[in-house]
Amino acid sequence: MLSLSRYPTLDLHGETRDTIYTLLKQFIQDNVKLKQSIVVVVHGKSSQILKKEVHYYLSKMKEIETFHLDYWNNGVTVIQLKI
């Protein structure tokens, strides 16, 4: 089982669709520079609007190897970066 608490995490609770792209882009770029291979984004479970937007942005970013919802918590996306 993967313990997500040891990976860099971006919490997007309370953010809007307009602000998450900037936050997500900066978070990914910073962790690529730091050579972190796995990072975590917390978007929550409620209406799934943030999850859909996060996944849309991740699918367009060249720095992303793969991403998937956490198996135990579908309010969290685990991302593998190209380093």
C-alpha atoms as a PDB file:
ATOM      1  CA  MET A   1       0.000   0.000   0.000  1.00  0.00           C
ATOM      2  CA  LEU A   2       1.265   3.467  -0.930  1.00  0.00           C
ATOM      3  CA  SER A   3       1.498   5.932   1.970  1.00  0.00           C
ATOM      4  CA  LEU A   4       0.638   9.273   0.408  1.00  0.00           C
ATOM      5  CA  SER A   5       1.674  11.360   3.419  1.00  0.00           C
ATOM      6  CA  ARG A   6       5.339  11.169   2.426  1.00  0.00           C
ATOM      7  CA  TYR A   7       4.845  12.792  -0.987  1.00  0.00           C
ATOM      8  CA  PRO A   8       4.516  16.512  -1.816  1.00  0.00           C
ATOM      9  CA  THR A   9       0.841  17.459  -1.680  1.00  0.00           C
ATOM     10  CA  LEU A  10      -1.224  20.271  -3.149  1.00  0.00           C
ATOM     11  CA  ASP A  11      -4.600  20.824  -1.451  1.00  0.00           C
ATOM     12  CA  LEU A  12      -7.120  22.526  -3.731  1.00  0.00           C
ATOM     13  CA  HIS A  13     -10.057  22.610  -1.286  1.00  0.00           C
ATOM     14  CA  GLY A  14     -11.809  25.966  -1.536  1.00  0.00           C
ATOM     15  CA  GLU A  15     -10.184  26.921  -4.837  1.00  0.00           C
ATOM     16  CA  THR A  16     -12.088  27.776  -8.005  1.00  0.00           C
ATOM     17  CA  ARG A  17     -11.671  26.430 -11.509  1.00  0.00           C
ATOM     18  CA  ASP A  18     -10.010  29.699 -12.477  1.00  0.00           C
ATOM     19  CA  THR A  19      -7.253  29.456  -9.860  1.00  0.00           C
ATOM     20  CA  ILE A  20      -6.411  25.755  -9.888  1.00  0.00           C
ATOM     21  CA  TYR A  21      -4.577  25.833 -13.212  1.00  0.00           C
ATOM     22  CA  THR A  22      -1.998  28.344 -11.950  1.00  0.00           C
ATOM     23  CA  LEU A  23      -1.540  26.489  -8.655  1.00  0.00           C
ATOM     24  CA  LEU A  24      -1.293  23.104 -10.359  1.00  0.00           C
ATOM     25  CA  LYS A  25       1.145  24.320 -13.010  1.00  0.00           C
ATOM     26  CA  GLN A  26       3.480  25.880 -10.421  1.00  0.00           C
ATOM     27  CA  PHE A  27       3.273  22.807  -8.156  1.00  0.00           C
ATOM     28  CA  ILE A  28       4.178  20.459 -11.029  1.00  0.00           C
ATOM     29  CA  GLN A  29       7.028  22.675 -12.263  1.00  0.00           C
ATOM     30  CA  ASP A  30       8.492  23.019  -8.765  1.00  0.00           C
ATOM     31  CA  ASN A  31       8.442  19.269  -8.182  1.00  0.00           C
ATOM     32  CA  VAL A  32       9.977  18.501 -11.565  1.00  0.00           C
ATOM     33  CA  LYS A  33      12.852  20.823 -10.635  1.00  0.00           C
ATOM     34  CA  LEU A  34      13.156  19.045  -7.276  1.00  0.00           C
ATOM     35  CA  LYS A  35      13.147  15.680  -9.092  1.00  0.00           C
ATOM     36  CA  GLN A  36      10.134  14.363  -7.189  1.00  0.00           C
ATOM     37  CA  SER A  37       8.744  11.439  -9.130  1.00  0.00           C
ATOM     38  CA  ILE A  38       5.384  11.184  -7.337  1.00  0.00           C
ATOM     39  CA  VAL A  39       3.159  14.017  -6.106  1.00  0.00           C
ATOM     40  CA  VAL A  40      -0.383  14.185  -4.760  1.00  0.00           C
ATOM     41  CA  VAL A  41      -3.251  16.594  -5.457  1.00  0.00           C
ATOM     42  CA  VAL A  42      -6.217  16.745  -3.072  1.00  0.00           C
ATOM     43  CA  HIS A  43      -9.309  17.993  -4.901  1.00  0.00           C
ATOM     44  CA  GLY A  44     -12.085  16.559  -2.741  1.00  0.00           C
ATOM     45  CA  LYS A  45     -15.034  14.317  -3.528  1.00  0.00           C
ATOM     46  CA  SER A  46     -18.069  16.616  -3.418  1.00  0.00           C
ATOM     47  CA  SER A  47     -19.281  17.775  -6.832  1.00  0.00           C
ATOM     48  CA  GLN A  48     -16.240  16.431  -8.733  1.00  0.00           C
ATOM     49  CA  ILE A  49     -15.864  19.693 -10.660  1.00  0.00           C
ATOM     50  CA  LEU A  50     -12.324  20.212  -9.367  1.00  0.00           C
ATOM     51  CA  LYS A  51     -11.422  16.575 -10.050  1.00  0.00           C
ATOM     52  CA  LYS A  52     -12.551  16.874 -13.656  1.00  0.00           C
ATOM     53  CA  GLU A  53     -10.633  20.135 -14.140  1.00  0.00           C
ATOM     54  CA  VAL A  54      -7.486  18.741 -12.491  1.00  0.00           C
ATOM     55  CA  HIS A  55      -7.578  15.641 -14.694  1.00  0.00           C
ATOM     56  CA  TYR A  56      -8.183  17.767 -17.783  1.00  0.00           C
ATOM     57  CA  TYR A  57      -5.152  19.977 -17.012  1.00  0.00           C
ATOM     58  CA  LEU A  58      -2.978  16.983 -16.148  1.00  0.00           C
ATOM     59  CA  SER A  59      -3.829  15.292 -19.443  1.00  0.00           C
ATOM     60  CA  LYS A  60      -2.521  18.377 -21.295  1.00  0.00           C
ATOM     61  CA  MET A  61       0.756  18.779 -19.345  1.00  0.00           C
ATOM     62  CA  LYS A  62       3.934  17.372 -20.908  1.00  0.00           C
ATOM     63  CA  GLU A  63       5.585  16.873 -17.485  1.00  0.00           C
ATOM     64  CA  ILE A  64       3.073  14.174 -16.491  1.00  0.00           C
ATOM     65  CA  GLU A  65       3.901  10.490 -16.997  1.00  0.00           C
ATOM     66  CA  THR A  66       0.652   9.104 -15.533  1.00  0.00           C
ATOM     67  CA  PHE A  67      -2.043   9.994 -13.009  1.00  0.00           C
ATOM     68  CA  HIS A  68      -4.875   8.145 -11.302  1.00  0.00           C
ATOM     69  CA  LEU A  69      -7.315   8.467  -8.433  1.00  0.00           C
ATOM     70  CA  ASP A  70      -6.066   7.053  -5.151  1.00  0.00           C
ATOM     71  CA  TYR A  71      -7.472   3.580  -4.604  1.00  0.00           C
ATOM     72  CA  TRP A  72      -8.590   4.336  -1.031  1.00  0.00           C
ATOM     73  CA  ASN A  73      -9.704   7.963  -1.426  1.00  0.00           C
ATOM     74  CA  ASN A  74     -11.260   9.177  -4.671  1.00  0.00           C
ATOM     75  CA  GLY A  75     -10.828  12.795  -3.541  1.00  0.00           C
ATOM     76  CA  VAL A  76      -7.091  12.464  -4.207  1.00  0.00           C
ATOM     77  CA  THR A  77      -5.143  12.132  -7.463  1.00  0.00           C
ATOM     78  CA  VAL A  78      -1.686  10.538  -7.483  1.00  0.00           C
ATOM     79  CA  ILE A  79       0.624  11.854 -10.214  1.00  0.00           C
ATOM     80  CA  GLN A  80       3.824  10.365 -11.593  1.00  0.00           C
ATOM     81  CA  LEU A  81       6.057  13.010 -13.106  1.00  0.00           C
ATOM     82  CA  LYS A  82       8.577  12.681 -15.933  1.00  0.00           C
ATOM     83  CA  ILE A  83      11.927  13.431 -14.319  1.00  0.00           C
END
